[in-house]
PDB file of N, CA and C in Angstrom:
ATOM      1  N   MET A   1      85.124  18.004  37.032  1.00  0.00           N
ATOM      2  CA  MET A   1      84.543  18.027  35.710  1.00  0.00           C
ATOM      3  C   MET A   1      83.106  17.547  35.760  1.00  0.00           C
ATOM      4  N   ALA A   2      82.858  16.524  36.546  1.00  0.00           N
ATOM      5  CA  ALA A   2      81.513  15.939  36.599  1.00  0.00           C
ATOM      6  C   ALA A   2      80.465  16.931  37.105  1.00  0.00           C
ATOM      7  N   LEU A   3      80.850  17.869  37.908  1.00  0.00           N
ATOM      8  CA  LEU A   3      79.909  18.848  38.455  1.00  0.00           C
ATOM      9  C   LEU A   3      79.933  20.185  37.709  1.00  0.00           C
ATOM     10  N   SER A   4      80.829  20.333  36.751  1.00  0.00           N
ATOM     11  CA  SER A   4      80.994  21.616  36.074  1.00  0.00           C
ATOM     12  C   SER A   4      79.739  22.119  35.352  1.00  0.00           C
ATOM     13  N   PRO A   5      78.860  21.260  34.805  1.00  0.00           N
ATOM     14  CA  PRO A   5      77.659  21.814  34.158  1.00  0.00           C
ATOM     15  C   PRO A   5      76.796  22.636  35.114  1.00  0.00           C
ATOM     16  N   TRP A   6      76.714  22.229  36.349  1.00  0.00           N
ATOM     17  CA  TRP A   6      75.892  22.940  37.327  1.00  0.00           C
ATOM     18  C   TRP A   6      76.677  24.074  37.978  1.00  0.00           C
ATOM     19  N   ALA A   7      77.971  23.881  38.138  1.00  0.00           N
ATOM     20  CA  ALA A   7      78.805  24.903  38.769  1.00  0.00           C
ATOM     21  C   ALA A   7      79.015  26.113  37.865  1.00  0.00           C
ATOM     22  N   THR A   8      79.085  25.880  36.559  1.00  0.00           N
ATOM     23  CA  THR A   8      79.352  26.986  35.635  1.00  0.00           C
ATOM     24  C   THR A   8      78.163  27.337  34.754  1.00  0.00           C
ATOM     25  N   GLY A   9      77.052  26.629  34.896  1.00  0.00           N
ATOM     26  CA  GLY A   9      75.816  27.032  34.254  1.00  0.00           C
ATOM     27  C   GLY A   9      75.559  26.561  32.844  1.00  0.00           C
ATOM     28  N   PHE A  10      76.085  25.424  32.450  1.00  0.00           N
ATOM     29  CA  PHE A  10      75.761  24.922  31.113  1.00  0.00           C
ATOM     30  C   PHE A  10      74.995  23.602  31.147  1.00  0.00           C
ATOM     31  N   SER A  11      74.290  23.345  32.236  1.00  0.00           N
ATOM     32  CA  SER A  11      73.548  22.087  32.366  1.00  0.00           C
ATOM     33  C   SER A  11      72.403  21.969  31.368  1.00  0.00           C
ATOM     34  N   GLY A  12      72.009  23.066  30.739  1.00  0.00           N
ATOM     35  CA  GLY A  12      70.960  23.020  29.732  1.00  0.00           C
ATOM     36  C   GLY A  12      71.420  22.439  28.405  1.00  0.00           C
ATOM     37  N   ASP A  13      72.725  22.359  28.200  1.00  0.00           N
ATOM     38  CA  ASP A  13      73.284  21.772  26.970  1.00  0.00           C
ATOM     39  C   ASP A  13      73.501  20.282  27.223  1.00  0.00           C
ATOM     40  N   THR A  14      72.630  19.470  26.674  1.00  0.00           N
ATOM     41  CA  THR A  14      72.626  18.032  26.958  1.00  0.00           C
ATOM     42  C   THR A  14      73.931  17.348  26.569  1.00  0.00           C
ATOM     43  N   VAL A  15      74.453  17.662  25.390  1.00  0.00           N
ATOM     44  CA  VAL A  15      75.681  17.012  24.915  1.00  0.00           C
ATOM     45  C   VAL A  15      76.863  17.400  25.792  1.00  0.00           C
ATOM     46  N   ALA A  16      77.006  18.687  26.065  1.00  0.00           N
ATOM     47  CA  ALA A  16      78.117  19.153  26.897  1.00  0.00           C
ATOM     48  C   ALA A  16      78.020  18.589  28.313  1.00  0.00           C
ATOM     49  N   THR A  17      76.795  18.535  28.846  1.00  0.00           N
ATOM     50  CA  THR A  17      76.597  17.994  30.185  1.00  0.00           C
ATOM     51  C   THR A  17      76.929  16.507  30.229  1.00  0.00           C
ATOM     52  N   ALA A  18      76.450  15.754  29.265  1.00  0.00           N
ATOM     53  CA  ALA A  18      76.739  14.315  29.230  1.00  0.00           C
ATOM     54  C   ALA A  18      78.240  14.071  29.116  1.00  0.00           C
ATOM     55  N   ASN A  19      78.909  14.823  28.264  1.00  0.00           N
ATOM     56  CA  ASN A  19      80.358  14.679  28.105  1.00  0.00           C
ATOM     57  C   ASN A  19      81.066  14.978  29.429  1.00  0.00           C
ATOM     58  N   ALA A  20      80.697  16.077  30.067  1.00  0.00           N
ATOM     59  CA  ALA A  20      81.344  16.460  31.326  1.00  0.00           C
ATOM     60  C   ALA A  20      81.136  15.412  32.414  1.00  0.00           C
ATOM     61  N   VAL A  21      79.919  14.913  32.532  1.00  0.00           N
ATOM     62  CA  VAL A  21      79.626  13.927  33.585  1.00  0.00           C
ATOM     63  C   VAL A  21      80.329  12.607  33.294  1.00  0.00           C
ATOM     64  N   ILE A  22      80.246  12.117  32.084  1.00  0.00           N
ATOM     65  CA  ILE A  22      80.863  10.827  31.744  1.00  0.00           C
ATOM     66  C   ILE A  22      82.381  10.890  31.891  1.00  0.00           C
ATOM     67  N   ILE A  23      82.993  11.908  31.319  1.00  0.00           N
ATOM     68  CA  ILE A  23      84.454  12.020  31.413  1.00  0.00           C
ATOM     69  C   ILE A  23      84.875  12.324  32.848  1.00  0.00           C
ATOM     70  N   GLY A  24      84.102  13.141  33.546  1.00  0.00           N
ATOM     71  CA  GLY A  24      84.402  13.417  34.955  1.00  0.00           C
ATOM     72  C   GLY A  24      84.387  12.160  35.803  1.00  0.00           C
ATOM     73  N   LEU A  25      83.381  11.320  35.610  1.00  0.00           N
ATOM     74  CA  LEU A  25      83.321  10.060  36.357  1.00  0.00           C
ATOM     75  C   LEU A  25      84.455   9.117  35.956  1.00  0.00           C
ATOM     76  N   ALA A  26      84.813   9.114  34.679  1.00  0.00           N
ATOM     77  CA  ALA A  26      85.944   8.286  34.231  1.00  0.00           C
ATOM     78  C   ALA A  26      87.250   8.775  34.858  1.00  0.00           C
ATOM     79  N   LEU A  27      87.405  10.086  34.975  1.00  0.00           N
ATOM     80  CA  LEU A  27      88.601  10.632  35.622  1.00  0.00           C
ATOM     81  C   LEU A  27      88.643  10.275  37.104  1.00  0.00           C
ATOM     82  N   ILE A  28      87.498  10.310  37.756  1.00  0.00           N
ATOM     83  CA  ILE A  28      87.435   9.916  39.170  1.00  0.00           C
ATOM     84  C   ILE A  28      87.812   8.444  39.317  1.00  0.00           C
ATOM     85  N   ALA A  29      87.268   7.599  38.459  1.00  0.00           N
ATOM     86  CA  ALA A  29      87.589   6.167  38.512  1.00  0.00           C
ATOM     87  C   ALA A  29      89.077   5.932  38.253  1.00  0.00           C
ATOM     88  N   GLY A  30      89.633   6.632  37.287  1.00  0.00           N
ATOM     89  CA  GLY A  30      91.063   6.493  37.000  1.00  0.00           C
ATOM     90  C   GLY A  30      91.931   6.955  38.155  1.00  0.00           C
ATOM     91  N   ALA A  31      91.531   8.051  38.788  1.00  0.00           N
ATOM     92  CA  ALA A  31      92.295   8.563  39.922  1.00  0.00           C
ATOM     93  C   ALA A  31      92.230   7.603  41.107  1.00  0.00           C
ATOM     94  N   LEU A  32      91.048   7.055  41.366  1.00  0.00           N
ATOM     95  CA  LEU A  32      90.922   6.069  42.448  1.00  0.00           C
ATOM     96  C   LEU A  32      91.753   4.828  42.147  1.00  0.00           C
ATOM     97  N   GLY A  33      91.703   4.380  40.902  1.00  0.00           N
ATOM     98  CA  GLY A  33      92.523   3.228  40.514  1.00  0.00           C
ATOM     99  C   GLY A  33      94.001   3.507  40.679  1.00  0.00           C
ATOM    100  N   ALA A  34      94.420   4.711  40.316  1.00  0.00           N
ATOM    101  CA  ALA A  34      95.834   5.081  40.450  1.00  0.00           C
ATOM    102  C   ALA A  34      96.265   5.156  41.905  1.00  0.00           C
ATOM    103  N   MET A  35      95.346   5.538  42.789  1.00  0.00           N
ATOM    104  CA  MET A  35      95.690   5.597  44.209  1.00  0.00           C
ATOM    105  C   MET A  35      95.749   4.203  44.824  1.00  0.00           C
ATOM    106  N   LEU A  36      94.832   3.333  44.423  1.00  0.00           N
ATOM    107  CA  LEU A  36      94.759   2.006  45.026  1.00  0.00           C
ATOM    108  C   LEU A  36      95.731   1.014  44.404  1.00  0.00           C
ATOM    109  N   PHE A  37      95.853   1.037  43.088  1.00  0.00           N
ATOM    110  CA  PHE A  37      96.706   0.098  42.361  1.00  0.00           C
ATOM    111  C   PHE A  37      97.511   0.866  41.317  1.00  0.00           C
ATOM    112  N   PRO A  38      98.551   1.576  41.730  1.00  0.00           N
ATOM    113  CA  PRO A  38      99.279   2.442  40.803  1.00  0.00           C
ATOM    114  C   PRO A  38      99.903   1.666  39.633  1.00  0.00           C
ATOM    115  N   ARG A  39      99.512   2.047  38.444  1.00  0.00           N
ATOM    116  CA  ARG A  39     100.050   1.478  37.213  1.00  0.00           C
ATOM    117  C   ARG A  39     100.134   2.597  36.185  1.00  0.00           C
ATOM    118  N   ALA A  40     101.055   2.488  35.283  1.00  0.00           N
ATOM    119  CA  ALA A  40     101.254   3.528  34.269  1.00  0.00           C
ATOM    120  C   ALA A  40     100.040   3.667  33.361  1.00  0.00           C
ATOM    121  N   TRP A  41      99.326   2.585  33.106  1.00  0.00           N
ATOM    122  CA  TRP A  41      98.196   2.679  32.176  1.00  0.00           C
ATOM    123  C   TRP A  41      97.103   3.610  32.691  1.00  0.00           C
ATOM    124  N   GLU A  42      96.980   3.754  34.024  1.00  0.00           N
ATOM    125  CA  GLU A  42      95.988   4.679  34.553  1.00  0.00           C
ATOM    126  C   GLU A  42      96.349   6.122  34.198  1.00  0.00           C
ATOM    127  N   GLU A  43      97.642   6.444  34.267  1.00  0.00           N
ATOM    128  CA  GLU A  43      98.082   7.784  33.886  1.00  0.00           C
ATOM    129  C   GLU A  43      97.891   8.009  32.390  1.00  0.00           C
ATOM    130  N   TRP A  44      98.177   6.984  31.586  1.00  0.00           N
ATOM    131  CA  TRP A  44      97.941   7.107  30.141  1.00  0.00           C
ATOM    132  C   TRP A  44      96.456   7.310  29.854  1.00  0.00           C
ATOM    133  N   THR A  45      95.610   6.605  30.585  1.00  0.00           N
ATOM    134  CA  THR A  45      94.161   6.765  30.411  1.00  0.00           C
ATOM    135  C   THR A  45      93.743   8.186  30.754  1.00  0.00           C
ATOM    136  N   GLU A  46      94.254   8.715  31.837  1.00  0.00           N
ATOM    137  CA  GLU A  46      93.920  10.083  32.217  1.00  0.00           C
ATOM    138  C   GLU A  46      94.446  11.083  31.197  1.00  0.00           C
ATOM    139  N   ALA A  47      95.630  10.833  30.650  1.00  0.00           N
ATOM    140  CA  ALA A  47      96.166  11.724  29.615  1.00  0.00           C
ATOM    141  C   ALA A  47      95.257  11.724  28.385  1.00  0.00           C
ATOM    142  N   VAL A  48      94.795  10.554  27.980  1.00  0.00           N
ATOM    143  CA  VAL A  48      93.893  10.459  26.822  1.00  0.00           C
ATOM    144  C   VAL A  48      92.565  11.149  27.115  1.00  0.00           C
ATOM    145  N   LEU A  49      92.038  10.962  28.313  1.00  0.00           N
ATOM    146  CA  LEU A  49      90.797  11.639  28.684  1.00  0.00           C
ATOM    147  C   LEU A  49      90.990  13.157  28.688  1.00  0.00           C
ATOM    148  N   GLY A  50      92.133  13.616  29.142  1.00  0.00           N
ATOM    149  CA  GLY A  50      92.433  15.045  29.113  1.00  0.00           C
ATOM    150  C   GLY A  50      92.497  15.575  27.687  1.00  0.00           C
ATOM    151  N   LEU A  51      93.147  14.824  26.804  1.00  0.00           N
ATOM    152  CA  LEU A  51      93.207  15.231  25.397  1.00  0.00           C
ATOM    153  C   LEU A  51      91.817  15.238  24.769  1.00  0.00           C
ATOM    154  N   TRP A  52      90.988  14.253  25.137  1.00  0.00           N
ATOM    155  CA  TRP A  52      89.616  14.242  24.633  1.00  0.00           C
ATOM    156  C   TRP A  52      88.866  15.494  25.088  1.00  0.00           C
ATOM    157  N   LEU A  53      89.030  15.872  26.362  1.00  0.00           N
ATOM    158  CA  LEU A  53      88.349  17.069  26.851  1.00  0.00           C
ATOM    159  C   LEU A  53      88.753  18.299  26.056  1.00  0.00           C
ATOM    160  N   ILE A  54      90.016  18.380  25.652  1.00  0.00           N
ATOM    161  CA  ILE A  54      90.485  19.535  24.890  1.00  0.00           C
ATOM    162  C   ILE A  54      89.783  19.636  23.537  1.00  0.00           C
ATOM    163  N   VAL A  55      89.591  18.515  22.858  1.00  0.00           N
ATOM    164  CA  VAL A  55      88.993  18.545  21.515  1.00  0.00           C
ATOM    165  C   VAL A  55      87.476  18.340  21.524  1.00  0.00           C
ATOM    166  N   SER A  56      86.917  17.881  22.635  1.00  0.00           N
ATOM    167  CA  SER A  56      85.498  17.519  22.664  1.00  0.00           C
ATOM    168  C   SER A  56      84.522  18.654  22.329  1.00  0.00           C
ATOM    169  N   PRO A  57      84.790  19.909  22.695  1.00  0.00           N
ATOM    170  CA  PRO A  57      83.813  20.938  22.329  1.00  0.00           C
ATOM    171  C   PRO A  57      83.571  21.014  20.814  1.00  0.00           C
ATOM    172  N   TRP A  58      84.609  20.835  20.036  1.00  0.00           N
ATOM    173  CA  TRP A  58      84.477  20.923  18.583  1.00  0.00           C
ATOM    174  C   TRP A  58      84.055  19.585  17.996  1.00  0.00           C
ATOM    175  N   ALA A  59      84.525  18.493  18.591  1.00  0.00           N
ATOM    176  CA  ALA A  59      84.139  17.170  18.089  1.00  0.00           C
ATOM    177  C   ALA A  59      82.664  16.880  18.338  1.00  0.00           C
ATOM    178  N   LEU A  60      82.131  17.397  19.434  1.00  0.00           N
ATOM    179  CA  LEU A  60      80.733  17.138  19.792  1.00  0.00           C
ATOM    180  C   LEU A  60      79.805  18.307  19.477  1.00  0.00           C
ATOM    181  N   GLY A  61      80.350  19.410  18.996  1.00  0.00           N
ATOM    182  CA  GLY A  61      79.522  20.507  18.541  1.00  0.00           C
ATOM    183  C   GLY A  61      79.067  21.509  19.585  1.00  0.00           C
ATOM    184  N   PHE A  62      79.740  21.590  20.724  1.00  0.00           N
ATOM    185  CA  PHE A  62      79.367  22.618  21.699  1.00  0.00           C
ATOM    186  C   PHE A  62      80.476  23.653  21.872  1.00  0.00           C
ATOM    187  N   GLY A  63      81.290  23.807  20.849  1.00  0.00           N
ATOM    188  CA  GLY A  63      82.388  24.768  20.885  1.00  0.00           C
ATOM    189  C   GLY A  63      81.945  26.216  20.958  1.00  0.00           C
ATOM    190  N   THR A  64      80.699  26.508  20.573  1.00  0.00           N
ATOM    191  CA  THR A  64      80.212  27.882  20.637  1.00  0.00           C
ATOM    192  C   THR A  64      79.688  28.262  22.022  1.00  0.00           C
ATOM    193  N   HIS A  65      79.528  27.286  22.891  1.00  0.00           N
ATOM    194  CA  HIS A  65      79.063  27.554  24.259  1.00  0.00           C
ATOM    195  C   HIS A  65      80.296  27.826  25.127  1.00  0.00           C
ATOM    196  N   ALA A  66      80.537  29.106  25.436  1.00  0.00           N
ATOM    197  CA  ALA A  66      81.778  29.524  26.092  1.00  0.00           C
ATOM    198  C   ALA A  66      82.045  28.826  27.414  1.00  0.00           C
ATOM    199  N   ASP A  67      81.037  28.705  28.273  1.00  0.00           N
ATOM    200  CA  ASP A  67      81.258  28.093  29.582  1.00  0.00           C
ATOM    201  C   ASP A  67      81.607  26.612  29.458  1.00  0.00           C
ATOM    202  N   ALA A  68      80.886  25.908  28.611  1.00  0.00           N
ATOM    203  CA  ALA A  68      81.148  24.478  28.423  1.00  0.00           C
ATOM    204  C   ALA A  68      82.515  24.269  27.780  1.00  0.00           C
ATOM    205  N   ARG A  69      82.831  25.086  26.782  1.00  0.00           N
ATOM    206  CA  ARG A  69      84.131  24.971  26.098  1.00  0.00           C
ATOM    207  C   ARG A  69      85.265  25.248  27.077  1.00  0.00           C
ATOM    208  N   ARG A  70      85.134  26.316  27.843  1.00  0.00           N
ATOM    209  CA  ARG A  70      86.185  26.690  28.796  1.00  0.00           C
ATOM    210  C   ARG A  70      86.393  25.603  29.838  1.00  0.00           C
ATOM    211  N   ALA A  71      85.320  25.062  30.383  1.00  0.00           N
ATOM    212  CA  ALA A  71      85.438  24.008  31.394  1.00  0.00           C
ATOM    213  C   ALA A  71      86.150  22.783  30.825  1.00  0.00           C
ATOM    214  N   ALA A  72      85.776  22.394  29.611  1.00  0.00           N
ATOM    215  CA  ALA A  72      86.372  21.204  28.997  1.00  0.00           C
ATOM    216  C   ALA A  72      87.846  21.433  28.661  1.00  0.00           C
ATOM    217  N   VAL A  73      88.148  22.556  28.031  1.00  0.00           N
ATOM    218  CA  VAL A  73      89.523  22.797  27.583  1.00  0.00           C
ATOM    219  C   VAL A  73      90.473  23.024  28.757  1.00  0.00           C
ATOM    220  N   VAL A  74      90.078  23.837  29.714  1.00  0.00           N
ATOM    221  CA  VAL A  74      90.959  24.111  30.861  1.00  0.00           C
ATOM    222  C   VAL A  74      91.178  22.840  31.681  1.00  0.00           C
ATOM    223  N   THR A  75      90.120  22.106  31.935  1.00  0.00           N
ATOM    224  CA  THR A  75      90.256  20.854  32.679  1.00  0.00           C
ATOM    225  C   THR A  75      91.091  19.855  31.896  1.00  0.00           C
ATOM    226  N   GLY A  76      90.856  19.770  30.590  1.00  0.00           N
ATOM    227  CA  GLY A  76      91.617  18.848  29.753  1.00  0.00           C
ATOM    228  C   GLY A  76      93.101  19.145  29.759  1.00  0.00           C
ATOM    229  N   ILE A  77      93.447  20.422  29.657  1.00  0.00           N
ATOM    230  CA  ILE A  77      94.865  20.807  29.685  1.00  0.00           C
ATOM    231  C   ILE A  77      95.487  20.427  31.026  1.00  0.00           C
ATOM    232  N   ALA A  78      94.784  20.714  32.122  1.00  0.00           N
ATOM    233  CA  ALA A  78      95.308  20.388  33.449  1.00  0.00           C
ATOM    234  C   ALA A  78      95.480  18.884  33.621  1.00  0.00           C
ATOM    235  N   VAL A  79      94.468  18.112  33.233  1.00  0.00           N
ATOM    236  CA  VAL A  79      94.520  16.658  33.410  1.00  0.00           C
ATOM    237  C   VAL A  79      95.627  16.048  32.551  1.00  0.00           C
ATOM    238  N   ALA A  80      95.687  16.408  31.277  1.00  0.00           N
ATOM    239  CA  ALA A  80      96.698  15.844  30.386  1.00  0.00           C
ATOM    240  C   ALA A  80      98.102  16.226  30.838  1.00  0.00           C
ATOM    241  N   THR A  81      98.288  17.486  31.218  1.00  0.00           N
ATOM    242  CA  THR A  81      99.608  17.937  31.672  1.00  0.00           C
ATOM    243  C   THR A  81     100.051  17.195  32.922  1.00  0.00           C
ATOM    244  N   LEU A  82      99.158  17.084  33.901  1.00  0.00           N
ATOM    245  CA  LEU A  82      99.532  16.400  35.143  1.00  0.00           C
ATOM    246  C   LEU A  82      99.783  14.907  34.924  1.00  0.00           C
ATOM    247  N   ALA A  83      98.984  14.271  34.092  1.00  0.00           N
ATOM    248  CA  ALA A  83      99.186  12.842  33.835  1.00  0.00           C
ATOM    249  C   ALA A  83     100.515  12.605  33.124  1.00  0.00           C
ATOM    250  N   LEU A  84     100.804  13.411  32.108  1.00  0.00           N
ATOM    251  CA  LEU A  84     102.077  13.246  31.387  1.00  0.00           C
ATOM    252  C   LEU A  84     103.263  13.610  32.265  1.00  0.00           C
ATOM    253  N   TRP A  85     103.098  14.620  33.114  1.00  0.00           N
ATOM    254  CA  TRP A  85     104.160  14.988  34.043  1.00  0.00           C
ATOM    255  C   TRP A  85     104.433  13.835  35.012  1.00  0.00           C
ATOM    256  N   THR A  86     103.380  13.212  35.522  1.00  0.00           N
ATOM    257  CA  THR A  86     103.542  12.070  36.423  1.00  0.00           C
ATOM    258  C   THR A  86     104.271  10.932  35.719  1.00  0.00           C
ATOM    259  N   LEU A  87     103.879  10.640  34.505  1.00  0.00           N
ATOM    260  CA  LEU A  87     104.550   9.577  33.751  1.00  0.00           C
ATOM    261  C   LEU A  87     106.031   9.870  33.539  1.00  0.00           C
ATOM    262  N   ALA A  88     106.361  11.127  33.309  1.00  0.00           N
ATOM    263  CA  ALA A  88     107.745  11.493  33.018  1.00  0.00           C
ATOM    264  C   ALA A  88     108.619  11.616  34.255  1.00  0.00           C
ATOM    265  N   THR A  89     108.035  11.941  35.401  1.00  0.00           N
ATOM    266  CA  THR A  89     108.858  12.225  36.576  1.00  0.00           C
ATOM    267  C   THR A  89     108.801  11.171  37.669  1.00  0.00           C
ATOM    268  N   ASP A  90     107.761  10.370  37.733  1.00  0.00           N
ATOM    269  CA  ASP A  90     107.666   9.353  38.774  1.00  0.00           C
ATOM    270  C   ASP A  90     108.682   8.246  38.488  1.00  0.00           C
ATOM    271  N   LYS A  91     109.493   7.910  39.478  1.00  0.00           N
ATOM    272  CA  LYS A  91     110.564   6.936  39.254  1.00  0.00           C
ATOM    273  C   LYS A  91     110.041   5.570  38.836  1.00  0.00           C
ATOM    274  N   ASP A  92     108.869   5.194  39.322  1.00  0.00           N
ATOM    275  CA  ASP A  92     108.315   3.902  38.939  1.00  0.00           C
ATOM    276  C   ASP A  92     107.762   3.918  37.520  1.00  0.00           C
ATOM    277  N   TYR A  93     107.189   5.039  37.116  1.00  0.00           N
ATOM    278  CA  TYR A  93     106.580   5.126  35.788  1.00  0.00           C
ATOM    279  C   TYR A  93     107.587   5.505  34.712  1.00  0.00           C
ATOM    280  N   SER A  94     108.599   6.278  35.058  1.00  0.00           N
ATOM    281  CA  SER A  94     109.524   6.768  34.042  1.00  0.00           C
ATOM    282  C   SER A  94     110.435   5.669  33.499  1.00  0.00           C
ATOM    283  N   ALA A  95     110.374   4.482  34.062  1.00  0.00           N
ATOM    284  CA  ALA A  95     111.173   3.362  33.537  1.00  0.00           C
ATOM    285  C   ALA A  95     110.795   3.061  32.095  1.00  0.00           C
ATOM    286  N   TRP A  96     109.545   3.304  31.708  1.00  0.00           N
ATOM    287  CA  TRP A  96     109.122   3.051  30.329  1.00  0.00           C
ATOM    288  C   TRP A  96     109.889   3.938  29.355  1.00  0.00           C
ATOM    289  N   LEU A  97     110.345   5.101  29.825  1.00  0.00           N
ATOM    290  CA  LEU A  97     111.159   5.966  28.966  1.00  0.00           C
ATOM    291  C   LEU A  97     112.528   5.350  28.701  1.00  0.00           C
ATOM    292  N   ARG A  98     113.074   4.712  29.733  1.00  0.00           N
ATOM    293  CA  ARG A  98     114.408   4.152  29.629  1.00  0.00           C
ATOM    294  C   ARG A  98     114.443   2.822  28.904  1.00  0.00           C
ATOM    295  N   ASP A  99     113.555   1.904  29.281  1.00  0.00           N
ATOM    296  CA  ASP A  99     113.648   0.557  28.726  1.00  0.00           C
ATOM    297  C   ASP A  99     112.414   0.087  27.959  1.00  0.00           C
ATOM    298  N   GLY A 100     111.431   0.943  27.803  1.00  0.00           N
ATOM    299  CA  GLY A 100     110.264   0.603  26.970  1.00  0.00           C
ATOM    300  C   GLY A 100     109.261  -0.329  27.631  1.00  0.00           C
ATOM    301  N   THR A 101     109.345  -0.531  28.936  1.00  0.00           N
ATOM    302  CA  THR A 101     108.385  -1.386  29.620  1.00  0.00           C
ATOM    303  C   THR A 101     107.547  -0.557  30.562  1.00  0.00           C
ATOM    304  N   ALA A 102     106.306  -0.914  30.703  1.00  0.00           N
ATOM    305  CA  ALA A 102     105.403  -0.201  31.611  1.00  0.00           C
ATOM    306  C   ALA A 102     105.153  -1.060  32.843  1.00  0.00           C
ATOM    307  N   PRO A 103     105.144  -0.444  34.039  1.00  0.00           N
ATOM    308  CA  PRO A 103     104.887  -1.223  35.258  1.00  0.00           C
ATOM    309  C   PRO A 103     103.448  -1.688  35.339  1.00  0.00           C
TER     310      PRO A 103
END
């Protein structure tokens, strides 16, 4: 996500570029945190960031820019789906479903 403005050609849109870089770096930080110190809150953070990416084109006003919108929405769907899937299927994380506690 952080490189998508240059990879897909919307780096001229300042708002879309800033959103992509900031959220992309936050996703990288969350993924590194999840690899080093696995906790359910990192997956929840990634799910929220994914949901933000889905709505951000319209919330920030770059919904008419097809490349920026597509990059944000497709990445957001993938990130949110994978984070929620991990929460639901990982034996360590899925305990919150059973007993309401997060590791």
